């Protein structure tokens, strides 16, 4: 079964305004992903959850983080490692890229860590473009579409679009991905409703986060 899962790799971008439910969606996607996850949580917004271990980067070295993750755990059971207050995301991504495979990497509020244009020497760029060889899933979360790294959206299998705003650069960026019908759906979205856009098939569908997921995440 592990061999079958190694053949699958997914890259997603979640783009939604504050209060729209993007963090809830991100956690729901993690619940559905059978892989172990390494989650960068720069704002400290995530709460304790089943099989979730929190690490404060300021008090633990990179070498201790890799020992905490542990290759054995990654292959025997699902575990989510939450790294809070990490000022050097690149050093951890380097560690992941060089030592691990078949896991899911999540960067919440990614624009706090990276600009829209990524130099090709960064490890986020390498994971976006070459992570498929190690089956590294990647989920980037941002409030503004214009701030999402282009290297991530260019490789995304899916775009998850939440509540829109009227910022011209954001609207222009979304229009560059989707057709007019999909764009109209995007502008009409309500809280906890998302538009899931398949970038390969150019197909979109609207959905609301399941009540069970919201309940499990203690969201009313």
Protein backbone atom coordinates (compact mmCIF):
# COMPACT_ATOMS: atom_id res chain seq x y z
CA UNK A 1 0.00 0.00 0.00
CA UNK A 2 2.89 2.35 0.79
CA UNK A 3 4.29 1.81 -2.70
CA UNK A 4 0.97 2.82 -4.23
CA UNK A 5 0.79 5.97 -2.17
CA UNK A 6 4.31 6.96 -3.20
CA UNK A 7 3.13 7.29 -6.78
CA UNK A 8 0.67 10.04 -5.78
CA UNK A 9 1.67 13.66 -5.32
CA UNK A 10 -0.58 16.68 -4.85
CA UNK A 11 0.08 20.42 -4.75
CA UNK A 12 -2.66 22.81 -3.67
CA UNK A 13 -3.08 26.52 -3.03
CA UNK A 14 -5.73 27.88 -0.66
CA UNK A 15 -6.59 31.51 -1.33
CA UNK A 16 -9.18 33.23 0.84
CA UNK A 17 -9.75 36.27 3.01
CA UNK A 18 -9.48 36.31 6.79
CA UNK A 19 -12.53 34.74 8.43
CA UNK A 20 -13.57 32.81 5.33
CA UNK A 21 -12.58 29.41 6.70
CA UNK A 22 -9.28 28.86 4.91
CA UNK A 23 -7.56 27.50 8.02
CA UNK A 24 -10.50 25.16 8.60
CA UNK A 25 -10.25 23.97 5.00
CA UNK A 26 -6.51 23.42 5.36
CA UNK A 27 -7.05 21.28 8.46
CA UNK A 28 -9.84 19.36 6.73
CA UNK A 29 -7.50 18.54 3.83
CA UNK A 30 -4.93 17.31 6.35
CA UNK A 31 -7.53 15.09 8.01
CA UNK A 32 -8.26 13.53 4.62
CA UNK A 33 -4.59 13.07 3.70
CA UNK A 34 -3.18 9.67 4.80
CA UNK A 35 0.37 11.01 4.83
CA UNK A 36 2.12 12.46 7.83
CA UNK A 37 2.25 16.25 7.69
CA UNK A 38 4.74 18.95 8.61
CA UNK A 39 2.83 22.18 9.18
CA UNK A 40 4.42 25.62 9.43
CA UNK A 41 2.17 27.76 11.64
CA UNK A 42 3.84 31.20 11.88
CA UNK A 43 0.86 32.88 13.56
CA UNK A 44 0.26 30.13 16.14
CA UNK A 45 -3.37 29.74 15.11
CA UNK A 46 -3.62 25.94 15.13
CA UNK A 47 -5.08 24.08 18.08
CA UNK A 48 -4.11 20.66 19.51
CA UNK A 49 -5.67 17.82 17.55
CA UNK A 50 -5.39 14.06 17.29
CA UNK A 51 -1.88 12.86 16.40
CA UNK A 52 -0.62 16.46 16.36
CA UNK A 53 2.72 17.39 17.95
CA UNK A 54 3.75 21.02 18.46
CA UNK A 55 7.34 22.23 18.17
CA UNK A 56 8.57 25.71 19.03
CA UNK A 57 11.38 26.35 16.56
CA UNK A 58 12.99 28.94 18.84
CA UNK A 59 13.74 26.32 21.47
CA UNK A 60 14.65 23.34 19.28
CA UNK A 61 17.40 22.97 16.71
CA UNK A 62 16.84 21.64 13.21
CA UNK A 63 18.55 18.38 14.12
CA UNK A 64 16.13 17.87 17.01
CA UNK A 65 13.19 18.53 14.70
CA UNK A 66 14.25 15.75 12.35
CA UNK A 67 14.65 13.40 15.30
CA UNK A 68 11.19 14.42 16.54
CA UNK A 69 9.65 13.71 13.17
CA UNK A 70 11.46 10.39 12.86
CA UNK A 71 11.39 8.42 9.63
CA UNK A 72 10.04 5.37 11.43
CA UNK A 73 6.95 7.28 12.63
CA UNK A 74 6.31 8.66 9.18
CA UNK A 75 6.03 5.18 7.73
CA UNK A 76 4.23 3.39 10.55
CA UNK A 77 1.53 5.88 11.51
CA UNK A 78 0.16 9.29 10.58
CA UNK A 79 1.46 12.16 12.67
CA UNK A 80 1.23 15.93 12.20
CA UNK A 81 4.21 18.03 13.28
CA UNK A 82 3.29 21.69 13.84
CA UNK A 83 6.24 24.09 13.78
CA UNK A 84 5.39 27.43 15.38
CA UNK A 85 7.30 30.71 15.27
CA UNK A 86 9.74 29.43 12.68
CA UNK A 87 11.78 32.34 11.33
CA UNK A 88 13.87 30.15 9.04
CA UNK A 89 11.44 28.01 7.06
CA UNK A 90 14.09 27.44 4.39
CA UNK A 91 16.42 25.55 6.72
CA UNK A 92 13.62 23.13 7.65
CA UNK A 93 12.54 22.70 4.02
CA UNK A 94 16.16 21.89 3.16
CA UNK A 95 16.13 19.22 5.85
CA UNK A 96 12.86 17.79 4.54
CA UNK A 97 13.92 17.86 0.89
CA UNK A 98 17.21 16.09 1.58
CA UNK A 99 16.01 13.50 4.08
CA UNK A 100 12.29 12.73 3.82
CA UNK A 101 9.73 11.54 1.30
CA UNK A 102 6.05 10.63 1.05
CA UNK A 103 4.87 13.37 3.43
CA UNK A 104 2.69 16.48 3.17
CA UNK A 105 4.16 19.96 3.76
CA UNK A 106 1.83 22.80 4.72
CA UNK A 107 2.79 26.47 4.99
CA UNK A 108 0.07 28.60 6.53
CA UNK A 109 0.18 32.35 5.78
CA UNK A 110 2.90 31.56 3.27
CA UNK A 111 3.35 35.21 2.30
CA UNK A 112 4.89 35.82 5.74
CA UNK A 113 7.72 33.50 4.71
CA UNK A 114 8.08 33.98 0.95
CA UNK A 115 7.47 36.58 -1.74
CA UNK A 116 5.44 35.94 -4.87
CA UNK A 117 8.61 35.46 -6.94
CA UNK A 118 10.85 32.65 -5.71
CA UNK A 119 14.54 32.39 -6.65
CA UNK A 120 15.28 28.94 -8.08
CA UNK A 121 17.84 28.24 -5.36
CA UNK A 122 15.23 28.26 -2.59
CA UNK A 123 14.06 24.92 -1.27
CA UNK A 124 10.43 25.90 -1.61
CA UNK A 125 11.05 26.36 -5.34
CA UNK A 126 12.76 22.96 -5.48
CA UNK A 127 9.90 21.26 -3.64
CA UNK A 128 7.35 22.93 -5.93
CA UNK A 129 9.11 21.84 -9.10
CA UNK A 130 10.91 18.63 -8.17
CA UNK A 131 9.12 17.35 -5.05
CA UNK A 132 7.20 14.86 -7.18
CA UNK A 133 10.31 12.65 -7.27
CA UNK A 134 10.03 12.21 -3.51
CA UNK A 135 6.25 12.37 -3.43
CA UNK A 136 6.20 15.52 -1.32
CA UNK A 137 2.69 16.96 -1.14
CA UNK A 138 2.50 20.70 -0.68
CA UNK A 139 -0.26 23.04 0.50
CA UNK A 140 0.22 26.79 0.56
CA UNK A 141 -2.25 29.08 2.33
CA UNK A 142 -2.56 32.84 1.79
CA UNK A 143 -5.14 35.58 2.16
CA UNK A 144 -4.29 37.35 -1.09
CA UNK A 145 -3.88 35.54 -4.41
CA UNK A 146 -1.33 38.13 -5.57
CA UNK A 147 0.95 37.19 -2.66
CA UNK A 148 1.02 33.44 -3.28
CA UNK A 149 4.39 32.27 -4.68
CA UNK A 150 4.03 31.76 -8.43
CA UNK A 151 6.17 28.63 -8.31
CA UNK A 152 3.49 27.01 -6.15
CA UNK A 153 0.44 28.05 -8.14
CA UNK A 154 2.15 27.08 -11.41
CA UNK A 155 2.53 23.51 -10.12
CA UNK A 156 -0.79 23.28 -8.28
CA UNK A 157 -3.20 20.49 -9.08
CA UNK A 158 -5.97 22.38 -7.32
CA UNK A 159 -6.78 25.93 -6.35
CA UNK A 160 -9.18 26.35 -3.42
CA UNK A 161 -10.76 29.79 -3.66
CA UNK A 162 -12.68 31.30 -0.74
CA UNK A 163 -14.26 34.71 -0.10
CA UNK A 164 -12.99 37.20 -2.65
CA UNK A 165 -11.96 40.79 -2.18
CA UNK A 166 -12.00 43.73 -4.56
CA UNK A 167 -8.25 44.29 -4.70
CA UNK A 168 -7.46 44.74 -8.43
CA UNK A 169 -4.25 42.69 -8.40
CA UNK A 170 -6.00 39.76 -6.71
CA UNK A 171 -8.92 39.81 -9.12
CA UNK A 172 -6.56 40.04 -12.10
CA UNK A 173 -4.57 37.08 -10.81
CA UNK A 174 -7.66 34.90 -10.37
CA UNK A 175 -8.90 35.84 -13.83
CA UNK A 176 -5.62 34.62 -15.29
CA UNK A 177 -6.45 31.12 -14.05
CA UNK A 178 -10.17 30.68 -14.54
CA UNK A 179 -12.86 31.42 -17.11
CA UNK A 180 -15.57 34.08 -16.66
CA UNK A 181 -18.18 31.60 -15.41
CA UNK A 182 -15.85 30.29 -12.72
CA UNK A 183 -14.83 33.82 -11.80
CA UNK A 184 -18.47 34.78 -11.21
CA UNK A 185 -18.86 31.77 -8.90
CA UNK A 186 -15.75 32.87 -7.04
CA UNK A 187 -17.12 36.34 -6.37
CA UNK A 188 -20.39 34.93 -4.98
CA UNK A 189 -18.82 32.62 -2.36
CA UNK A 190 -19.92 32.77 1.28
CA UNK A 191 -18.14 31.82 4.50
CA UNK A 192 -17.03 28.16 4.61
CA UNK A 193 -17.90 27.84 0.91
CA UNK A 194 -15.07 27.24 -1.52
CA UNK A 195 -14.48 26.86 -5.21
CA UNK A 196 -12.26 23.90 -6.03
CA UNK A 197 -10.56 24.47 -9.37
CA UNK A 198 -8.79 21.60 -11.15
CA UNK A 199 -5.93 23.25 -13.03
CA UNK A 200 -5.39 20.26 -15.35
CA UNK A 201 -9.01 19.66 -16.34
CA UNK A 202 -10.00 23.34 -16.08
CA UNK A 203 -13.03 22.27 -14.10
CA UNK A 204 -14.49 23.95 -11.01
CA UNK A 205 -17.00 22.92 -8.36
CA UNK A 206 -18.43 24.72 -5.34
CA UNK A 207 -18.62 23.01 -1.97
CA UNK A 208 -19.13 23.78 1.68
CA UNK A 209 -16.96 22.34 4.43
CA UNK A 210 -18.78 19.30 5.89
CA UNK A 211 -20.49 19.90 9.25
CA UNK A 212 -18.67 16.90 10.68
CA UNK A 213 -15.32 18.48 9.84
CA UNK A 214 -16.32 21.78 11.41
CA UNK A 215 -17.49 19.97 14.54
CA UNK A 216 -14.26 17.99 14.80
CA UNK A 217 -12.29 21.21 14.47
CA UNK A 218 -14.46 22.89 17.13
CA UNK A 219 -15.73 25.45 14.63
CA UNK A 220 -19.30 26.62 14.99
